[in-house]
């Protein structure tokens, strides 16, 4: 097993090629150990060079709606009357702190996502 640091995209592609070769390795084998090290190196490189920020608040709400099979009418308890829900979902009205708290408490949407982009 020859492991080296990932310094650039070419190194990353090589690490992925090697990972594909050892991905199905049986537990407690040198290949399984190599796979574990490669995954750690790839994750570290990707986290450093392509960080993923928090989700857009409206996209986070829509994602939760899809997950739970909710309709805009179901959001009235968290956002307010149907007109306000429509304005929020169409990005014509920002989320208030009260809406954010209710959405977090009621739908378990992370504050980090609901506050993303807030000034």
Protein backbone atom coordinates (compact mmCIF):
# COMPACT_ATOMS: atom_id res chain seq x y z
CA UNK A 1 0.00 0.00 0.00
CA UNK A 2 1.48 3.29 -1.12
CA UNK A 3 -0.47 6.25 0.19
CA UNK A 4 0.46 9.83 -0.57
CA UNK A 5 -1.17 13.17 0.17
CA UNK A 6 -3.69 14.68 -2.21
CA UNK A 7 -2.35 18.06 -3.39
CA UNK A 8 -4.41 18.73 -6.52
CA UNK A 9 -7.25 17.47 -8.71
CA UNK A 10 -4.97 15.01 -10.52
CA UNK A 11 -4.02 13.43 -7.20
CA UNK A 12 -7.71 13.36 -6.28
CA UNK A 13 -8.62 11.51 -9.50
CA UNK A 14 -5.84 8.98 -8.85
CA UNK A 15 -7.09 8.46 -5.29
CA UNK A 16 -10.63 7.86 -6.59
CA UNK A 17 -9.35 5.34 -9.16
CA UNK A 18 -7.52 3.44 -6.43
CA UNK A 19 -10.53 3.66 -4.13
CA UNK A 20 -12.70 2.06 -6.82
CA UNK A 21 -10.24 -0.83 -7.00
CA UNK A 22 -10.31 -1.53 -3.25
CA UNK A 23 -13.84 -0.40 -2.40
CA UNK A 24 -15.30 -3.90 -2.03
CA UNK A 25 -12.37 -5.19 0.04
CA UNK A 26 -13.16 -7.69 2.75
CA UNK A 27 -12.87 -6.52 6.34
CA UNK A 28 -9.54 -6.93 8.16
CA UNK A 29 -7.47 -6.99 4.97
CA UNK A 30 -4.73 -4.59 3.86
CA UNK A 31 -7.04 -3.43 1.05
CA UNK A 32 -9.77 -2.57 3.57
CA UNK A 33 -7.24 -0.53 5.55
CA UNK A 34 -6.16 1.22 2.36
CA UNK A 35 -9.79 1.99 1.52
CA UNK A 36 -10.32 3.57 4.93
CA UNK A 37 -7.22 5.75 4.58
CA UNK A 38 -8.17 6.80 1.04
CA UNK A 39 -11.69 7.78 2.12
CA UNK A 40 -10.23 9.91 4.92
CA UNK A 41 -7.76 11.62 2.57
CA UNK A 42 -10.42 12.28 -0.08
CA UNK A 43 -12.86 13.70 2.48
CA UNK A 44 -10.17 15.97 3.94
CA UNK A 45 -9.19 17.28 0.50
CA UNK A 46 -12.80 17.86 -0.58
CA UNK A 47 -13.74 19.57 2.70
CA UNK A 48 -10.79 21.93 2.33
CA UNK A 49 -11.16 22.70 -1.37
CA UNK A 50 -14.91 22.42 -1.99
CA UNK A 51 -16.70 23.22 1.27
CA UNK A 52 -20.45 22.89 1.23
CA UNK A 53 -22.20 25.81 2.87
CA UNK A 54 -25.55 25.71 4.57
CA UNK A 55 -28.62 25.17 2.43
CA UNK A 56 -30.64 28.07 1.09
CA UNK A 57 -33.50 28.71 3.58
CA UNK A 58 -36.29 28.34 1.03
CA UNK A 59 -34.71 25.23 -0.48
CA UNK A 60 -34.39 23.78 3.04
CA UNK A 61 -38.11 24.40 3.65
CA UNK A 62 -39.06 22.89 0.29
CA UNK A 63 -36.83 19.87 0.95
CA UNK A 64 -38.53 19.29 4.33
CA UNK A 65 -41.94 19.68 2.68
CA UNK A 66 -41.00 17.02 0.13
CA UNK A 67 -39.62 14.70 2.82
CA UNK A 68 -42.75 14.92 4.92
CA UNK A 69 -45.30 15.22 2.14
CA UNK A 70 -46.35 18.69 3.28
CA UNK A 71 -48.29 21.25 1.28
CA UNK A 72 -48.01 25.04 1.53
CA UNK A 73 -51.18 24.94 3.62
CA UNK A 74 -49.31 22.83 6.21
CA UNK A 75 -46.79 25.68 6.60
CA UNK A 76 -49.43 28.16 7.77
CA UNK A 77 -48.87 27.08 11.38
CA UNK A 78 -45.22 28.11 11.10
CA UNK A 79 -45.27 31.05 8.68
CA UNK A 80 -48.77 32.54 8.83
CA UNK A 81 -51.69 32.91 6.41
CA UNK A 82 -51.55 31.35 2.94
CA UNK A 83 -50.60 34.63 1.28
CA UNK A 84 -47.57 34.98 3.53
CA UNK A 85 -46.57 31.35 2.91
CA UNK A 86 -46.76 32.01 -0.83
CA UNK A 87 -44.67 35.17 -0.52
CA UNK A 88 -42.00 33.35 1.48
CA UNK A 89 -41.85 30.33 -0.86
CA UNK A 90 -41.63 32.68 -3.88
CA UNK A 91 -38.87 34.72 -2.20
CA UNK A 92 -40.95 37.89 -2.07
CA UNK A 93 -40.88 38.06 1.74
CA UNK A 94 -37.94 37.20 4.00
CA UNK A 95 -38.30 34.86 6.93
CA UNK A 96 -38.82 36.64 10.23
CA UNK A 97 -37.11 35.45 13.40
CA UNK A 98 -40.48 34.21 14.65
CA UNK A 99 -40.99 32.15 11.46
CA UNK A 100 -37.48 30.75 11.74
CA UNK A 101 -38.05 29.67 15.35
CA UNK A 102 -41.39 28.04 14.49
CA UNK A 103 -39.96 26.24 11.44
CA UNK A 104 -37.04 24.99 13.50
CA UNK A 105 -39.16 23.84 16.43
CA UNK A 106 -41.99 22.39 14.34
CA UNK A 107 -40.23 20.92 11.32
CA UNK A 108 -36.74 20.45 12.79
CA UNK A 109 -35.08 22.48 10.04
CA UNK A 110 -31.63 23.49 11.33
CA UNK A 111 -31.17 27.11 12.32
CA UNK A 112 -28.00 27.14 10.22
CA UNK A 113 -30.06 26.51 7.09
CA UNK A 114 -32.87 28.90 7.99
CA UNK A 115 -30.47 31.73 8.79
CA UNK A 116 -28.20 31.24 5.76
CA UNK A 117 -27.80 34.49 3.88
CA UNK A 118 -29.36 36.58 6.65
CA UNK A 119 -27.68 39.92 7.19
